[in-house]
Amino acid sequence: EPCRGVKIGTGLPDLTRKQLKACLRENAGLFVWHAIEMPGLDPNVACHQLTIDPAASVVVQRR
């Protein structure tokens, strides 16, 4: 799908960024976006849950 994309770090040199983009485009068929697209994959491997301690205090990240 054309609306899907990945973010590439802006700190990469121009040549490296161009090569990475070309490699990703060339190999786009090797990547999947959903576990359902990988038949035979155990859902326990493909999915995870974030365990959150209800007693933990909220920490606000400063900018």
N, C-alpha and C. Protein backbone atom coordinates (compact mmCIF):
# COMPACT_ATOMS: atom_id res chain seq x y z
N GLU A 1 0.84 -1.19 0.00
CA GLU A 1 0.00 0.00 0.00
C GLU A 1 0.88 1.24 0.00
N PRO A 2 0.58 2.20 -0.83
CA PRO A 2 1.41 3.39 -0.92
C PRO A 2 1.39 4.26 0.33
N CYS A 3 0.37 4.13 1.18
CA CYS A 3 0.29 4.99 2.36
C CYS A 3 1.21 4.52 3.48
N ARG A 4 1.78 3.35 3.35
CA ARG A 4 2.67 2.84 4.38
C ARG A 4 4.08 3.36 4.15
N GLY A 5 4.77 3.60 5.24
CA GLY A 5 6.13 4.10 5.10
C GLY A 5 6.92 3.86 6.36
N VAL A 6 8.19 4.13 6.27
CA VAL A 6 9.08 4.02 7.42
C VAL A 6 9.82 5.33 7.56
N LYS A 7 10.28 5.59 8.76
CA LYS A 7 11.05 6.81 9.01
C LYS A 7 12.53 6.46 8.96
N ILE A 8 13.29 7.31 8.32
CA ILE A 8 14.74 7.15 8.22
C ILE A 8 15.38 8.34 8.92
N GLY A 9 16.36 8.06 9.74
CA GLY A 9 17.02 9.11 10.51
C GLY A 9 17.59 10.22 9.65
N THR A 10 17.40 11.44 10.11
CA THR A 10 17.90 12.59 9.36
C THR A 10 19.40 12.77 9.53
N GLY A 11 19.98 12.07 10.49
CA GLY A 11 21.41 12.19 10.73
C GLY A 11 22.27 11.38 9.79
N LEU A 12 21.66 10.61 8.92
CA LEU A 12 22.43 9.80 7.97
C LEU A 12 22.98 10.67 6.85
N PRO A 13 24.17 10.34 6.39
CA PRO A 13 24.70 11.06 5.22
C PRO A 13 23.79 10.83 4.01
N ASP A 14 23.76 11.78 3.09
CA ASP A 14 22.87 11.70 1.93
C ASP A 14 23.03 10.41 1.14
N LEU A 15 24.27 10.01 0.87
CA LEU A 15 24.51 8.80 0.09
C LEU A 15 23.95 7.57 0.82
N THR A 16 24.19 7.49 2.12
CA THR A 16 23.69 6.36 2.90
C THR A 16 22.17 6.33 2.89
N ARG A 17 21.55 7.50 3.03
CA ARG A 17 20.09 7.58 3.02
C ARG A 17 19.53 7.12 1.68
N LYS A 18 20.14 7.55 0.58
CA LYS A 18 19.69 7.14 -0.76
C LYS A 18 19.85 5.64 -0.95
N GLN A 19 20.98 5.09 -0.49
CA GLN A 19 21.21 3.65 -0.62
C GLN A 19 20.21 2.86 0.22
N LEU A 20 19.92 3.33 1.42
CA LEU A 20 18.96 2.66 2.29
C LEU A 20 17.57 2.68 1.68
N LYS A 21 17.16 3.83 1.15
CA LYS A 21 15.85 3.93 0.50
C LYS A 21 15.76 2.96 -0.68
N ALA A 22 16.80 2.91 -1.48
CA ALA A 22 16.81 2.02 -2.64
C ALA A 22 16.71 0.56 -2.20
N CYS A 23 17.44 0.21 -1.16
CA CYS A 23 17.42 -1.16 -0.65
C CYS A 23 16.04 -1.52 -0.11
N LEU A 24 15.42 -0.61 0.64
CA LEU A 24 14.09 -0.87 1.19
C LEU A 24 13.05 -1.02 0.08
N ARG A 25 13.13 -0.16 -0.93
CA ARG A 25 12.18 -0.25 -2.05
C ARG A 25 12.37 -1.56 -2.81
N GLU A 26 13.63 -1.93 -3.03
CA GLU A 26 13.94 -3.15 -3.78
C GLU A 26 13.46 -4.40 -3.04
N ASN A 27 13.48 -4.35 -1.72
CA ASN A 27 13.11 -5.51 -0.91
C ASN A 27 11.78 -5.36 -0.20
N ALA A 28 10.94 -4.44 -0.66
CA ALA A 28 9.66 -4.16 0.01
C ALA A 28 8.79 -5.41 0.14
N GLY A 29 8.89 -6.33 -0.80
CA GLY A 29 8.09 -7.54 -0.76
C GLY A 29 8.48 -8.50 0.35
N LEU A 30 9.62 -8.27 0.98
CA LEU A 30 10.08 -9.15 2.05
C LEU A 30 9.53 -8.76 3.41
N PHE A 31 8.98 -7.56 3.52
CA PHE A 31 8.49 -7.07 4.80
C PHE A 31 6.99 -7.26 4.92
N VAL A 32 6.53 -7.44 6.14
CA VAL A 32 5.09 -7.54 6.39
C VAL A 32 4.70 -6.48 7.41
N TRP A 33 3.44 -6.09 7.38
CA TRP A 33 2.94 -5.07 8.30
C TRP A 33 2.11 -5.68 9.42
N HIS A 34 1.61 -6.89 9.21
CA HIS A 34 0.76 -7.54 10.20
C HIS A 34 1.19 -8.99 10.36
N ALA A 35 1.04 -9.52 11.56
CA ALA A 35 1.40 -10.91 11.82
C ALA A 35 0.58 -11.87 10.96
N ILE A 36 -0.64 -11.48 10.60
CA ILE A 36 -1.52 -12.33 9.79
C ILE A 36 -0.90 -12.61 8.42
N GLU A 37 0.01 -11.74 7.98
CA GLU A 37 0.66 -11.89 6.68
C GLU A 37 1.78 -12.94 6.71
N MET A 38 2.02 -13.53 7.89
CA MET A 38 3.08 -14.53 8.02
C MET A 38 2.47 -15.85 8.49
N PRO A 39 1.94 -16.64 7.57
CA PRO A 39 1.33 -17.90 7.97
C PRO A 39 2.33 -18.80 8.69
N GLY A 40 1.85 -19.46 9.73
CA GLY A 40 2.70 -20.36 10.49
C GLY A 40 3.45 -19.69 11.62
N LEU A 41 3.36 -18.38 11.72
CA LEU A 41 4.03 -17.66 12.80
C LEU A 41 3.21 -17.77 14.07
N ASP A 42 3.83 -18.20 15.15
CA ASP A 42 3.16 -18.32 16.44
C ASP A 42 2.79 -16.91 16.93
N PRO A 43 1.50 -16.65 17.21
CA PRO A 43 1.09 -15.32 17.69
C PRO A 43 1.80 -14.90 18.98
N ASN A 44 2.22 -15.87 19.78
CA ASN A 44 2.94 -15.53 21.01
C ASN A 44 4.30 -14.92 20.71
N VAL A 45 4.84 -15.21 19.56
CA VAL A 45 6.12 -14.63 19.15
C VAL A 45 5.89 -13.26 18.52
N ALA A 46 4.84 -13.13 17.75
CA ALA A 46 4.60 -11.91 16.98
C ALA A 46 3.96 -10.80 17.79
N CYS A 47 3.26 -11.13 18.86
CA CYS A 47 2.53 -10.12 19.63
C CYS A 47 3.11 -10.00 21.03
N HIS A 48 3.00 -8.83 21.59
CA HIS A 48 3.46 -8.62 22.95
C HIS A 48 2.48 -7.72 23.68
N GLN A 49 2.56 -7.75 24.98
CA GLN A 49 1.75 -6.87 25.80
C GLN A 49 2.68 -6.13 26.74
N LEU A 50 2.43 -4.87 26.91
CA LEU A 50 3.22 -4.06 27.82
C LEU A 50 2.65 -4.24 29.22
N THR A 51 3.48 -4.73 30.12
CA THR A 51 3.05 -4.92 31.49
C THR A 51 3.27 -3.61 32.24
N ILE A 52 2.19 -3.09 32.78
CA ILE A 52 2.27 -1.82 33.50
C ILE A 52 1.92 -2.05 34.96
N ASP A 53 2.77 -1.58 35.84
CA ASP A 53 2.53 -1.70 37.27
C ASP A 53 1.53 -0.63 37.67
N PRO A 54 0.33 -1.03 38.15
CA PRO A 54 -0.67 -0.03 38.53
C PRO A 54 -0.22 0.85 39.69
N ALA A 55 0.77 0.40 40.45
CA ALA A 55 1.25 1.19 41.58
C ALA A 55 2.32 2.20 41.17
N ALA A 56 2.77 2.13 39.94
CA ALA A 56 3.83 3.03 39.47
C ALA A 56 3.29 4.44 39.30
N SER A 57 4.13 5.42 39.59
CA SER A 57 3.71 6.81 39.43
C SER A 57 3.97 7.27 38.00
N VAL A 58 3.19 8.23 37.55
CA VAL A 58 3.31 8.76 36.20
C VAL A 58 4.50 9.71 36.15
N VAL A 59 5.31 9.57 35.11
CA VAL A 59 6.46 10.46 34.92
C VAL A 59 6.25 11.19 33.61
N VAL A 60 6.28 12.52 33.65
CA VAL A 60 6.11 13.33 32.46
C VAL A 60 7.48 13.63 31.88
N GLN A 61 7.65 13.35 30.60
CA GLN A 61 8.92 13.60 29.94
C GLN A 61 9.06 15.08 29.63
N ARG A 62 10.20 15.63 29.98
CA ARG A 62 10.47 17.05 29.70
C ARG A 62 11.03 17.18 28.30
N ARG A 63 10.73 18.30 27.68
CA ARG A 63 11.25 18.55 26.33
C ARG A 63 12.42 19.47 26.37
